[in-house]
Amino acid sequence: MSDEQLKIYNSAIRIQCAWKKFKAVNELKKLKMEKKELDEKLAKLEQDAYIQMIKIEQEREEKKRLKKLREKEMKRKNDLRKKKFMEAAYDGNLQEMKFVISDFERELNSMEEKFDHGKIKQAILNLIDCKDSNNNSALSEAAAGGSAEVCKFLLSNNADPNSRGAFNRTPLWRASFAGHLHCVQLLLENGADPRLYSQDGQRVIDAATKDNVIEVLKNWNIQLTERMLQQIEKSRKEIKQEQINGLEEQKKMAKKDYEQLRTQFEYVKNELLKCTTELQRLHDEYLLNPDMYAPLIDKKESERIELNAKSEQLKEKSVKSRIFYKDLLSEIRKEKKKIKNDTEESDSDPGSDDDESDLDDDKIMKINIKELDDMVLRDITGSLKKTDKWPIIIDQNDQASTFLRYRDTNYVNCLDMKSMEKEKFRIALLGSIRYGKPFVIDLMQYDQELIEAVKSTCDQIDDKLFDDIFSKELINDDKFIRLIRVEIDGKEYEVTNFNKMRLNNFKVILLTSNPYPSEKVLNKSFPIKVITNAPKDDDLFF
């Protein structure tokens, strides 16, 4: 090759190299720009997800606030209704009593929550049997006031003729003491038992102040009382059974709705998984042909966002449906216990639908919010050490969540995508072990769904981590060492910095606001229920 040719060849090589360099620089700029756009899009998605989570929390708090206001208003109305009813009973104002009952029935029928016929009858019976601050029933007040007409009306509406009031005095005792003969006769003819004693040991006949009343009580055939008491018990059981039958129908419908929602949710979740996998494949192949894959990625990303929104919506609906279904189960069991007065028989009843787990209040630890520090964080009774499971705190009011969030704990909100990133989750868990702090996992009300998210995050860190956490084996035989990443974590998390005293103080605490956690969660934990001062049965008629 001549010098001239060599010179031309080298020039061509330089031109080609310069062109390739120019092309590569432009391609790199383009790729950096696209990466920047993707990062911005991802940041926006994370921001939107965080905003959505805040909105969900705000909506939940607003619903709780409105619920408390409704309950407060309902209690105010019930107190006013009860006051009117009791005063009318004592005054013998039958017309006013009938108006109170009809007004109450209208209110029940106009409420957003529809009541079946059995529940309405039971609510009215609760009003008929309502008591004042001295524990005296409306029938007792009418008997003391001497209104035979009101007594007859209340007894015809299944009022309890033997209700115990102040000093254990029955309506018959008070009528006899006041000398109201017609009331005494009516009460005896409708099942009032003259054998019952008051608190000071007086019989009804001992309290009677008039001869004609004493004569009636002496000559009364007690066998009639026995027969009437059986009839009254049967009648009241029938009303209660009618209410239970209505609840059973609601339960069937609620279970059907829940199963349909769960099926829809599982289908959408699978579609979302397919969509996410396909989107990942498109991202992996993007560099091969950016012009072709860019619109496909945008389309698939829109589909993923739509499916994710639908999945969240169905998840929330299914959780609400499940809670409603479990509330019905609990109410049915409670009403059956009232009828049978036999807890074991009620719990083993084949109609109780035990295919779903239910939280037996007799088998769980109950604490109030003030005891949370002593009973859970410090475990002064040693209850948590004796069990091989970590506690799950069940608190519908989210007071425990607020309390633990601001204590010296490592708190993980499972709805927060950033908290559930594997590195943040790992460091939070490792920090709890290193410094002997509680590791709090807040499952919100979505315990059944979010426990799966916890498992998924644990599996990304170590395939045995989830089981080791919930079996309390993580700190045994230094298994936690698998979590340490020396090149990332630095000297702070070197093995020599983990001491036994702090390891012994480490604990995992699960939190949920779902009153009926799923069987999977309950099987892995020791349930502790935070109780609040609930209104008495007599405060609310339904």
Protein backbone atom coordinates (compact mmCIF):
# COMPACT_ATOMS: atom_id res chain seq x y z
CA MET A 1 0.00 0.00 0.00
CA SER A 2 1.46 3.34 -1.07
CA ASP A 3 1.86 6.28 1.29
CA GLU A 4 -0.99 8.07 -0.43
CA GLN A 5 -3.33 5.09 0.02
CA LEU A 6 -2.26 4.66 3.63
CA LYS A 7 -2.95 8.30 4.27
CA ILE A 8 -6.45 7.98 2.73
CA TYR A 9 -7.11 4.78 4.73
CA ASN A 10 -6.11 6.41 8.05
CA SER A 11 -8.27 9.42 7.25
CA ALA A 12 -11.23 7.16 6.55
CA ILE A 13 -10.64 5.35 9.85
CA ARG A 14 -10.53 8.67 11.72
CA ILE A 15 -13.72 9.84 10.00
CA GLN A 16 -15.48 6.57 10.86
CA CYS A 17 -14.33 6.74 14.50
CA ALA A 18 -15.42 10.38 14.75
CA TRP A 19 -18.82 9.50 13.25
CA LYS A 20 -19.28 6.53 15.59
CA LYS A 21 -18.23 8.67 18.54
CA PHE A 22 -20.67 11.41 17.48
CA LYS A 23 -23.42 8.82 17.07
CA ALA A 24 -22.63 7.17 20.44
CA VAL A 25 -22.59 10.55 22.24
CA ASN A 26 -26.00 11.43 20.75
CA GLU A 27 -27.37 7.97 21.62
CA LEU A 28 -26.03 8.33 25.16
CA LYS A 29 -27.67 11.76 25.47
CA LYS A 30 -30.91 10.29 24.21
CA LEU A 31 -30.70 7.37 26.64
CA LYS A 32 -29.90 9.71 29.55
CA MET A 33 -32.87 11.86 28.60
CA GLU A 34 -35.13 8.81 28.44
CA LYS A 35 -33.76 7.55 31.77
CA LYS A 36 -34.43 10.96 33.29
CA GLU A 37 -37.99 10.86 31.96
CA LEU A 38 -38.52 7.34 33.33
CA ASP A 39 -37.07 8.37 36.72
CA GLU A 40 -39.38 11.38 36.80
CA LYS A 41 -42.32 9.19 35.86
CA LEU A 42 -41.40 6.69 38.59
CA ALA A 43 -40.97 9.49 41.14
CA LYS A 44 -44.38 10.87 40.15
CA LEU A 45 -45.95 7.42 40.52
CA GLU A 46 -44.40 7.06 43.99
CA GLN A 47 -45.59 10.55 44.91
CA ASP A 48 -49.10 9.75 43.62
CA ALA A 49 -49.09 6.48 45.59
CA TYR A 50 -48.05 8.38 48.74
CA ILE A 51 -50.73 11.03 48.18
CA GLN A 52 -53.28 8.26 47.62
CA MET A 53 -52.22 6.61 50.88
CA ILE A 54 -52.62 9.96 52.70
CA LYS A 55 -56.08 10.37 51.14
CA ILE A 56 -57.07 6.86 52.25
CA GLU A 57 -55.94 7.66 55.80
CA GLN A 58 -57.81 10.97 55.74
CA GLU A 59 -60.97 9.26 54.48
CA ARG A 60 -60.68 6.62 57.23
CA GLU A 61 -60.26 9.29 59.91
CA GLU A 62 -63.20 11.26 58.51
CA LYS A 63 -65.37 8.12 58.53
CA LYS A 64 -64.38 7.43 62.14
CA ARG A 65 -65.19 11.03 63.10
CA LEU A 66 -68.60 10.84 61.42
CA LYS A 67 -69.27 7.45 63.02
CA LYS A 68 -68.51 8.86 66.48
CA LEU A 69 -70.80 11.83 65.79
CA ARG A 70 -73.58 9.49 64.65
CA GLU A 71 -73.16 7.30 67.74
CA LYS A 72 -73.17 10.38 69.96
CA GLU A 73 -76.33 11.68 68.30
CA MET A 74 -77.93 8.22 68.47
CA LYS A 75 -77.16 7.97 72.19
CA ARG A 76 -78.57 11.47 72.78
CA LYS A 77 -81.79 10.50 70.96
CA ASN A 78 -82.04 7.22 72.83
CA ASP A 79 -81.51 8.91 76.20
CA LEU A 80 -84.22 11.45 75.36
CA ARG A 81 -86.56 8.71 74.12
CA LYS A 82 -85.97 6.62 77.24
CA LYS A 83 -86.58 9.63 79.52
CA LYS A 84 -89.89 10.42 77.78
CA PHE A 85 -90.94 6.76 77.88
CA MET A 86 -90.14 6.32 81.59
CA GLU A 87 -91.85 9.58 82.59
CA ALA A 88 -94.95 8.68 80.57
CA ALA A 89 -95.02 5.21 82.19
CA TYR A 90 -94.99 6.66 85.71
CA ASP A 91 -97.56 9.34 84.82
CA GLY A 92 -99.83 6.75 83.16
CA ASN A 93 -99.68 8.63 79.82
CA LEU A 94 -100.35 5.72 77.44
CA GLN A 95 -100.83 7.96 74.42
CA GLU A 96 -97.34 9.48 74.85
CA MET A 97 -95.80 6.00 75.20
CA LYS A 98 -97.46 4.80 71.99
CA PHE A 99 -96.23 7.90 70.20
CA VAL A 100 -92.63 7.28 71.39
CA ILE A 101 -92.79 3.67 70.14
CA SER A 102 -94.31 4.60 66.74
CA ASP A 103 -91.77 7.43 66.31
CA PHE A 104 -88.95 4.99 67.12
CA GLU A 105 -90.32 2.47 64.59
CA ARG A 106 -90.45 5.17 61.90
CA GLU A 107 -86.86 6.10 62.67
CA LEU A 108 -85.73 2.47 62.35
CA ASN A 109 -87.47 2.11 58.97
CA SER A 110 -85.96 5.34 57.64
CA MET A 111 -82.38 4.54 58.64
CA GLU A 112 -79.72 3.90 55.99
CA GLU A 113 -79.00 0.52 57.55
CA LYS A 114 -82.14 -1.49 56.81
CA PHE A 115 -83.52 -3.61 59.68
CA ASP A 116 -85.49 -6.80 59.13
CA HIS A 117 -88.80 -7.40 60.94
CA GLY A 118 -87.18 -9.54 63.67
CA LYS A 119 -84.59 -6.90 64.53
CA ILE A 120 -87.21 -4.14 64.66
CA LYS A 121 -89.33 -6.25 67.06
CA GLN A 122 -86.28 -6.86 69.25
CA ALA A 123 -85.38 -3.13 69.23
CA ILE A 124 -88.92 -2.23 70.33
CA LEU A 125 -88.79 -4.91 73.04
CA ASN A 126 -85.52 -3.36 74.26
CA LEU A 127 -87.32 -0.01 74.50
CA ILE A 128 -90.26 -1.63 76.36
CA ASP A 129 -87.75 -3.12 78.85
CA CYS A 130 -85.58 0.01 79.15
CA LYS A 131 -84.46 1.10 82.63
CA ASP A 132 -83.71 4.37 84.36
CA SER A 133 -80.62 5.31 86.37
CA ASN A 134 -82.02 3.39 89.39
CA ASN A 135 -82.39 0.26 87.23
CA ASN A 136 -86.21 0.44 87.38
CA SER A 137 -88.03 -0.64 84.22
CA ALA A 138 -90.96 1.19 82.58
CA LEU A 139 -93.29 -1.54 83.89
CA SER A 140 -91.94 -1.01 87.40
CA GLU A 141 -92.56 2.74 87.12
CA ALA A 142 -96.11 2.18 85.83
CA ALA A 143 -96.79 -0.29 88.68
CA ALA A 144 -95.47 2.18 91.26
CA GLY A 145 -97.53 4.97 89.67
CA GLY A 146 -100.67 2.83 89.75
CA SER A 147 -101.53 2.92 86.02
CA ALA A 148 -103.21 -0.41 85.27
CA GLU A 149 -103.78 0.68 81.66
CA VAL A 150 -100.06 1.25 81.05
CA CYS A 151 -99.18 -2.01 82.85
CA LYS A 152 -101.58 -3.89 80.58
CA PHE A 153 -100.10 -2.27 77.46
CA LEU A 154 -96.49 -3.07 78.48
CA LEU A 155 -97.31 -6.65 79.49
CA SER A 156 -99.16 -7.23 76.19
CA ASN A 157 -95.92 -6.13 74.45
CA ASN A 158 -93.83 -8.77 76.27
CA ALA A 159 -92.41 -6.54 79.04
CA ASP A 160 -90.52 -8.53 81.67
CA PRO A 161 -92.91 -8.84 84.67
CA ASN A 162 -90.05 -9.81 87.00
CA SER A 163 -87.43 -7.19 86.14
CA ARG A 164 -85.27 -6.23 89.12
CA GLY A 165 -84.92 -2.53 89.94
CA ALA A 166 -83.48 -0.51 92.81
CA PHE A 167 -82.89 -2.71 95.88
CA ASN A 168 -83.88 -5.76 93.76
CA ARG A 169 -87.55 -4.73 93.91
CA THR A 170 -89.84 -6.11 91.21
CA PRO A 171 -92.85 -4.31 89.64
CA LEU A 172 -95.13 -6.53 91.76
CA TRP A 173 -93.25 -5.54 94.93
CA ARG A 174 -93.65 -1.81 94.15
CA ALA A 175 -97.33 -2.15 93.19
CA SER A 176 -98.03 -4.09 96.41
CA PHE A 177 -96.14 -1.55 98.52
CA ALA A 178 -98.11 1.33 96.92
CA GLY A 179 -101.39 -0.58 97.38
CA HIS A 180 -102.44 -0.55 93.69
CA LEU A 181 -104.78 -3.57 93.60
CA HIS A 182 -105.58 -3.50 89.86
CA CYS A 183 -101.87 -3.37 88.98
CA VAL A 184 -101.14 -6.27 91.38
CA GLN A 185 -103.87 -8.40 89.77
CA LEU A 186 -102.65 -7.58 86.25
CA LEU A 187 -99.04 -8.41 87.11
CA LEU A 188 -99.97 -11.72 88.76
CA GLU A 189 -102.13 -12.69 85.78
CA ASN A 190 -99.20 -12.00 83.43
CA GLY A 191 -96.44 -13.94 85.15
CA ALA A 192 -95.20 -11.72 88.01
CA ASP A 193 -93.68 -14.00 90.66
CA PRO A 194 -94.77 -13.23 94.27
CA ARG A 195 -92.00 -15.49 95.66
CA LEU A 196 -89.16 -13.11 94.70
CA TYR A 197 -87.39 -11.31 97.55
CA SER A 198 -86.09 -7.74 97.58
CA GLN A 199 -82.54 -6.86 98.66
CA ASP A 200 -83.56 -6.47 102.31
CA GLY A 201 -85.14 -9.97 102.35
CA GLN A 202 -88.76 -8.84 102.13
CA ARG A 203 -91.28 -10.90 100.20
CA VAL A 204 -93.93 -9.18 98.09
CA ILE A 205 -96.62 -10.03 100.67
CA ASP A 206 -94.44 -8.50 103.41
CA ALA A 207 -94.25 -5.23 101.50
CA ALA A 208 -98.04 -5.04 100.86
CA THR A 209 -99.73 -2.20 102.77
CA LYS A 210 -103.43 -2.84 102.07
CA ASP A 211 -105.58 -5.75 103.20
CA ASN A 212 -107.19 -6.35 99.80
CA VAL A 213 -103.73 -6.64 98.19
CA ILE A 214 -102.56 -9.04 100.94
CA GLU A 215 -105.69 -11.14 100.40
CA VAL A 216 -105.07 -11.42 96.64
CA LEU A 217 -101.43 -12.40 97.20
CA LYS A 218 -102.36 -15.02 99.82
CA ASN A 219 -104.96 -16.70 97.61
CA TRP A 220 -102.91 -16.62 94.41
CA ASN A 221 -102.32 -20.03 92.74
CA ILE A 222 -98.53 -20.20 92.17
CA GLN A 223 -98.95 -22.93 89.53
CA LEU A 224 -100.50 -20.30 87.24
CA THR A 225 -97.34 -18.25 87.64
CA GLU A 226 -95.19 -21.23 86.63
CA ARG A 227 -97.23 -21.78 83.46
CA MET A 228 -97.22 -18.12 82.52
CA LEU A 229 -93.47 -17.80 83.09
CA GLN A 230 -92.93 -20.64 80.60
CA GLN A 231 -95.19 -18.90 78.07
CA ILE A 232 -93.36 -15.58 78.56
CA GLU A 233 -89.98 -17.26 78.11
CA LYS A 234 -91.21 -18.98 74.95
CA SER A 235 -92.62 -15.73 73.54
CA ARG A 236 -89.41 -13.79 74.20
CA LYS A 237 -87.34 -16.60 72.68
CA GLU A 238 -89.51 -16.51 69.57
CA ILE A 239 -88.85 -12.77 69.16
CA LYS A 240 -85.13 -13.37 69.64
CA GLN A 241 -85.20 -16.32 67.22
CA GLU A 242 -86.97 -14.18 64.61
CA GLN A 243 -84.14 -11.67 64.93
CA ILE A 244 -81.56 -14.46 64.57
CA ASN A 245 -83.32 -15.80 61.47
CA GLY A 246 -83.11 -12.34 59.91
CA LEU A 247 -79.41 -12.15 60.79
CA GLU A 248 -78.85 -15.63 59.30
CA GLU A 249 -80.36 -14.42 56.00
CA GLN A 250 -78.15 -11.33 56.07
CA LYS A 251 -75.16 -13.56 56.85
CA LYS A 252 -75.80 -15.73 53.78
CA MET A 253 -76.03 -12.67 51.54
CA ALA A 254 -72.94 -11.08 53.16
CA LYS A 255 -70.91 -14.28 52.68
CA LYS A 256 -71.98 -14.50 49.04
CA ASP A 257 -71.02 -10.83 48.45
CA TYR A 258 -67.67 -11.34 50.18
CA GLU A 259 -66.84 -14.44 48.12
CA GLN A 260 -67.74 -12.64 44.89
CA LEU A 261 -65.57 -9.66 45.80
CA ARG A 262 -62.67 -11.93 46.75
CA THR A 263 -62.96 -13.77 43.41
CA GLN A 264 -62.96 -10.47 41.53
CA PHE A 265 -60.02 -9.21 43.58
CA GLU A 266 -57.97 -12.38 42.95
CA TYR A 267 -58.69 -12.15 39.20
CA VAL A 268 -57.64 -8.47 39.01
CA LYS A 269 -54.56 -9.21 41.16
CA ASN A 270 -53.49 -11.96 38.72
CA GLU A 271 -54.10 -9.64 35.76
CA LEU A 272 -52.00 -6.97 37.50
CA LEU A 273 -49.19 -9.48 38.02
CA LYS A 274 -49.28 -10.46 34.32
CA CYS A 275 -49.29 -6.80 33.32
CA THR A 276 -46.33 -5.98 35.61
CA THR A 277 -44.35 -8.95 34.24
CA GLU A 278 -45.08 -7.89 30.65
CA LEU A 279 -44.10 -4.30 31.47
CA GLN A 280 -40.80 -5.50 32.90
CA ARG A 281 -40.15 -7.52 29.72
CA LEU A 282 -40.85 -4.46 27.56
CA HIS A 283 -38.43 -2.36 29.65
CA ASP A 284 -35.76 -5.04 29.27
CA GLU A 285 -36.17 -5.07 25.47
CA TYR A 286 -36.57 -1.29 25.13
CA LEU A 287 -32.99 -0.59 24.01
CA LEU A 288 -33.32 -3.03 21.10
CA ASN A 289 -35.88 -0.82 19.38
CA PRO A 290 -36.84 2.32 21.38
CA ASP A 291 -39.22 3.66 18.71
CA MET A 292 -41.26 0.45 18.70
CA TYR A 293 -41.27 -0.25 22.44
CA ALA A 294 -41.90 3.29 23.79
CA PRO A 295 -45.63 3.40 22.85
CA LEU A 296 -46.10 -0.22 24.03
CA ILE A 297 -44.57 0.66 27.41
CA ASP A 298 -46.82 3.75 27.76
CA LYS A 299 -49.92 1.68 26.92
CA LYS A 300 -48.96 -1.12 29.31
CA GLU A 301 -48.12 1.40 32.06
CA SER A 302 -51.60 2.96 31.71
CA GLU A 303 -53.12 -0.52 31.90
CA ARG A 304 -51.07 -1.29 35.01
CA ILE A 305 -52.18 1.94 36.75
CA GLU A 306 -55.83 1.20 35.91
CA LEU A 307 -55.57 -2.39 37.18
CA ASN A 308 -53.78 -1.23 40.33
CA ALA A 309 -56.55 1.29 41.10
CA LYS A 310 -59.21 -1.37 40.49
CA SER A 311 -57.29 -3.84 42.69
CA GLU A 312 -57.10 -1.33 45.58
CA GLN A 313 -60.81 -0.57 45.24
CA LEU A 314 -61.79 -4.26 45.28
CA LYS A 315 -59.42 -4.94 48.17
CA GLU A 316 -61.05 -2.24 50.30
CA LYS A 317 -64.56 -3.45 49.39
CA SER A 318 -63.69 -7.09 50.18
CA VAL A 319 -62.19 -6.10 53.57
CA LYS A 320 -65.32 -4.10 54.47
CA SER A 321 -67.51 -6.99 53.31
CA ARG A 322 -65.51 -9.46 55.41
CA ILE A 323 -65.76 -7.25 58.51
CA PHE A 324 -69.54 -6.90 57.99
CA TYR A 325 -69.83 -10.69 57.62
CA LYS A 326 -67.80 -11.30 60.78
CA ASP A 327 -69.86 -8.71 62.69
CA LEU A 328 -72.98 -10.66 61.74
CA LEU A 329 -71.40 -13.94 62.90
CA SER A 330 -70.46 -12.34 66.21
CA GLU A 331 -73.94 -10.86 66.68
CA ILE A 332 -75.62 -14.20 65.87
CA ARG A 333 -73.44 -16.04 68.41
CA LYS A 334 -74.13 -13.38 71.03
CA GLU A 335 -77.90 -13.61 70.52
CA LYS A 336 -77.80 -17.42 70.63
CA LYS A 337 -75.90 -17.27 73.90
CA LYS A 338 -78.61 -15.02 75.31
CA ILE A 339 -81.25 -17.59 74.36
CA LYS A 340 -79.42 -20.73 75.41
CA ASN A 341 -77.29 -19.24 78.18
CA ASP A 342 -74.73 -21.84 77.25
CA THR A 343 -71.50 -20.61 75.68
CA GLU A 344 -70.13 -24.00 74.62
CA GLU A 345 -73.38 -25.10 73.01
CA SER A 346 -73.61 -21.83 71.14
CA ASP A 347 -70.05 -21.96 69.87
CA SER A 348 -70.40 -25.51 68.57
CA ASP A 349 -73.69 -24.81 66.85
CA PRO A 350 -73.54 -26.12 63.26
CA GLY A 351 -75.24 -23.00 61.99
CA SER A 352 -72.44 -20.75 63.21
CA ASP A 353 -70.38 -21.06 60.02
CA ASP A 354 -67.08 -21.92 61.60
CA ASP A 355 -65.46 -22.30 58.17
CA GLU A 356 -64.15 -18.79 58.86
CA SER A 357 -61.90 -18.17 61.85
CA ASP A 358 -63.47 -16.14 64.60
CA LEU A 359 -61.84 -14.40 67.49
CA ASP A 360 -63.01 -15.95 70.74
CA ASP A 361 -62.98 -13.13 73.30
CA ASP A 362 -62.53 -15.67 76.11
CA LYS A 363 -59.18 -16.82 74.69
CA ILE A 364 -57.43 -13.51 74.04
CA MET A 365 -55.70 -10.99 76.25
CA LYS A 366 -57.68 -7.77 76.71
CA ILE A 367 -56.04 -4.51 77.70
CA ASN A 368 -56.92 -0.83 77.63
CA ILE A 369 -54.68 1.66 75.86
CA LYS A 370 -53.07 2.78 79.16
CA GLU A 371 -51.81 -0.77 79.78
CA LEU A 372 -50.11 -1.07 76.38
CA ASP A 373 -46.70 0.04 77.68
CA ASP A 374 -46.69 -2.33 80.68
CA MET A 375 -48.32 -5.36 79.07
CA VAL A 376 -46.70 -5.29 75.61
CA LEU A 377 -43.57 -3.13 75.51
CA ARG A 378 -42.30 -4.06 78.98
CA ASP A 379 -44.20 -7.37 79.33
CA ILE A 380 -44.34 -7.09 83.13
CA THR A 381 -46.50 -10.22 83.42
CA GLY A 382 -44.21 -12.30 81.20
CA SER A 383 -47.16 -13.39 79.03
CA LEU A 384 -45.33 -12.68 75.76
CA LYS A 385 -42.19 -14.53 76.83
CA LYS A 386 -44.23 -17.65 77.65
CA THR A 387 -45.69 -17.90 74.14
CA ASP A 388 -43.80 -18.86 70.99
CA LYS A 389 -45.62 -16.18 68.96
CA TRP A 390 -45.28 -12.43 68.63
CA PRO A 391 -48.31 -10.33 69.61
CA ILE A 392 -50.86 -8.85 67.22
CA ILE A 393 -52.65 -5.83 68.70
CA ILE A 394 -56.25 -5.52 67.52
CA ASP A 395 -57.43 -1.94 67.87
CA GLN A 396 -60.34 -0.58 65.83
CA ASN A 397 -59.69 2.99 67.01
CA ASP A 398 -55.99 3.08 65.91
CA GLN A 399 -54.93 4.41 69.31
CA ALA A 400 -52.26 1.69 69.60
CA SER A 401 -50.87 2.68 66.20
CA THR A 402 -50.49 6.32 67.27
CA PHE A 403 -48.99 5.30 70.63
CA LEU A 404 -46.37 2.92 69.15
CA ARG A 405 -45.48 5.24 66.26
CA TYR A 406 -44.20 7.88 68.68
CA ARG A 407 -42.38 5.52 71.03
CA ASP A 408 -38.81 4.29 70.55
CA THR A 409 -39.79 1.73 67.91
CA ASN A 410 -39.00 0.97 64.29
CA TYR A 411 -42.42 1.41 62.72
CA VAL A 412 -43.35 0.05 59.28
CA ASN A 413 -46.58 1.11 57.60
CA CYS A 414 -47.31 -1.70 55.14
CA LEU A 415 -49.32 0.61 52.87
CA ASP A 416 -46.29 2.85 52.38
CA MET A 417 -44.34 1.64 49.32
CA LYS A 418 -41.10 3.23 50.54
CA SER A 419 -41.30 1.54 53.95
CA MET A 420 -41.81 -1.80 52.22
CA GLU A 421 -38.75 -1.51 49.95
CA LYS A 422 -36.51 -4.45 50.77
CA GLU A 423 -33.48 -2.38 51.86
CA LYS A 424 -35.50 -0.04 54.10
CA PHE A 425 -37.37 -3.00 55.58
CA ARG A 426 -34.08 -4.87 56.17
CA ILE A 427 -32.38 -1.90 57.84
CA ALA A 428 -35.46 -1.21 60.01
CA LEU A 429 -35.52 -4.85 61.15
CA LEU A 430 -31.75 -5.02 61.65
CA GLY A 431 -31.81 -1.72 63.60
CA SER A 432 -34.47 -3.13 65.94
CA ILE A 433 -32.30 -6.18 66.62
CA ARG A 434 -29.09 -4.11 66.98
CA TYR A 435 -30.59 -1.63 69.47
CA GLY A 436 -33.15 -3.93 71.16
CA LYS A 437 -36.24 -2.01 69.98
CA PRO A 438 -39.72 -3.24 69.03
CA PHE A 439 -40.21 -3.78 65.29
CA VAL A 440 -43.80 -2.66 64.61
CA ILE A 441 -45.58 -3.93 61.48
CA ASP A 442 -48.83 -2.01 60.90
CA LEU A 443 -51.19 -4.07 58.73
CA MET A 444 -53.92 -1.42 59.00
CA GLN A 445 -57.32 -3.05 58.34
CA TYR A 446 -55.92 -5.08 55.41
CA ASP A 447 -54.22 -7.78 57.49
CA GLN A 448 -55.09 -10.62 55.09
CA GLU A 449 -53.62 -8.80 52.08
CA LEU A 450 -50.70 -6.93 53.66
CA ILE A 451 -49.27 -9.98 55.45
CA GLU A 452 -48.63 -11.30 51.93
CA ALA A 453 -46.82 -8.04 51.09
CA VAL A 454 -44.65 -8.51 54.21
CA LYS A 455 -43.85 -12.09 53.13
CA SER A 456 -42.97 -10.90 49.62
CA THR A 457 -40.56 -8.27 50.98
CA CYS A 458 -39.01 -10.80 53.39
CA ASP A 459 -38.54 -13.32 50.55
CA GLN A 460 -36.64 -10.70 48.52
CA ILE A 461 -34.22 -10.29 51.43
CA ASP A 462 -33.92 -13.97 52.45
CA ASP A 463 -36.18 -16.91 51.60
CA LYS A 464 -36.29 -18.06 55.27
CA LEU A 465 -36.67 -14.61 56.85
CA PHE A 466 -40.48 -14.53 57.09
CA ASP A 467 -40.67 -17.88 58.92
CA ASP A 468 -37.73 -16.96 61.18
CA ILE A 469 -39.38 -13.67 62.19
CA PHE A 470 -42.74 -15.19 63.11
CA SER A 471 -41.32 -18.29 64.81
CA LYS A 472 -39.11 -16.11 67.08
CA GLU A 473 -36.08 -17.93 65.67
CA LEU A 474 -34.42 -14.89 64.08
CA ILE A 475 -32.29 -14.03 67.11
CA ASN A 476 -31.55 -17.67 68.01
CA ASP A 477 -28.20 -19.11 66.86
CA ASP A 478 -27.32 -15.68 65.43
CA LYS A 479 -29.59 -16.22 62.41
CA PHE A 480 -29.99 -12.43 62.09
CA ILE A 481 -26.39 -12.28 60.81
CA ARG A 482 -27.78 -13.24 57.38
CA LEU A 483 -29.35 -9.76 57.27
CA ILE A 484 -26.02 -7.92 57.60
CA ARG A 485 -24.50 -6.48 54.40
CA VAL A 486 -21.02 -5.41 55.55
CA GLU A 487 -20.21 -3.45 52.39
CA ILE A 488 -23.44 -1.38 52.72
CA ASP A 489 -24.18 -1.21 56.46
CA GLY A 490 -20.77 -0.12 57.73
CA LYS A 491 -19.11 -0.64 61.11
CA GLU A 492 -22.29 0.19 63.05
CA TYR A 493 -23.75 -3.20 62.12
CA GLU A 494 -20.66 -5.36 62.55
CA VAL A 495 -21.43 -8.62 64.36
CA THR A 496 -19.39 -7.59 67.41
CA ASN A 497 -21.78 -4.65 68.01
CA PHE A 498 -24.74 -6.94 68.68
CA ASN A 499 -24.95 -7.75 72.40
CA LYS A 500 -27.15 -10.33 74.11
CA MET A 501 -29.00 -7.93 76.42
CA ARG A 502 -30.28 -5.89 73.47
CA LEU A 503 -31.09 -9.02 71.49
CA ASN A 504 -33.31 -10.17 74.37
CA ASN A 505 -35.20 -6.85 74.26
CA PHE A 506 -36.02 -7.23 70.55
CA LYS A 507 -39.66 -8.00 69.75
CA VAL A 508 -41.99 -7.91 66.76
CA ILE A 509 -45.43 -6.30 67.21
CA LEU A 510 -48.17 -6.66 64.61
CA LEU A 511 -50.94 -4.07 64.47
CA THR A 512 -54.35 -4.23 62.82
CA SER A 513 -57.54 -2.18 62.98
CA ASN A 514 -59.53 -5.11 61.59
CA PRO A 515 -61.64 -6.48 64.48
CA TYR A 516 -61.56 -9.95 62.85
CA PRO A 517 -58.02 -10.73 61.63
CA SER A 518 -57.64 -13.54 59.11
CA GLU A 519 -56.90 -17.10 60.21
CA LYS A 520 -53.44 -16.95 58.63
CA VAL A 521 -52.46 -13.92 60.71
CA LEU A 522 -53.99 -15.30 63.93
CA ASN A 523 -52.18 -18.62 63.53
CA LYS A 524 -48.85 -16.78 63.47
CA SER A 525 -49.49 -14.43 66.38
CA PHE A 526 -50.66 -13.98 69.96
CA PRO A 527 -53.84 -11.81 69.87
CA ILE A 528 -54.22 -8.84 72.22
CA LYS A 529 -57.39 -6.76 71.98
CA VAL A 530 -57.47 -3.09 72.97
CA ILE A 531 -60.82 -2.50 74.64
CA THR A 532 -62.70 0.76 75.04
CA ASN A 533 -65.60 1.70 77.26
CA ALA A 534 -68.48 0.53 75.09
CA PRO A 535 -72.05 1.67 75.81
CA LYS A 536 -74.24 -0.68 77.83
CA ASP A 537 -76.84 -2.74 75.98
CA ASP A 538 -79.53 -0.63 77.59
CA ASP A 539 -78.03 2.63 76.24
CA LEU A 540 -78.76 1.68 72.63
CA PHE A 541 -81.95 -0.13 71.66
CA PHE A 542 -80.49 -1.61 68.44
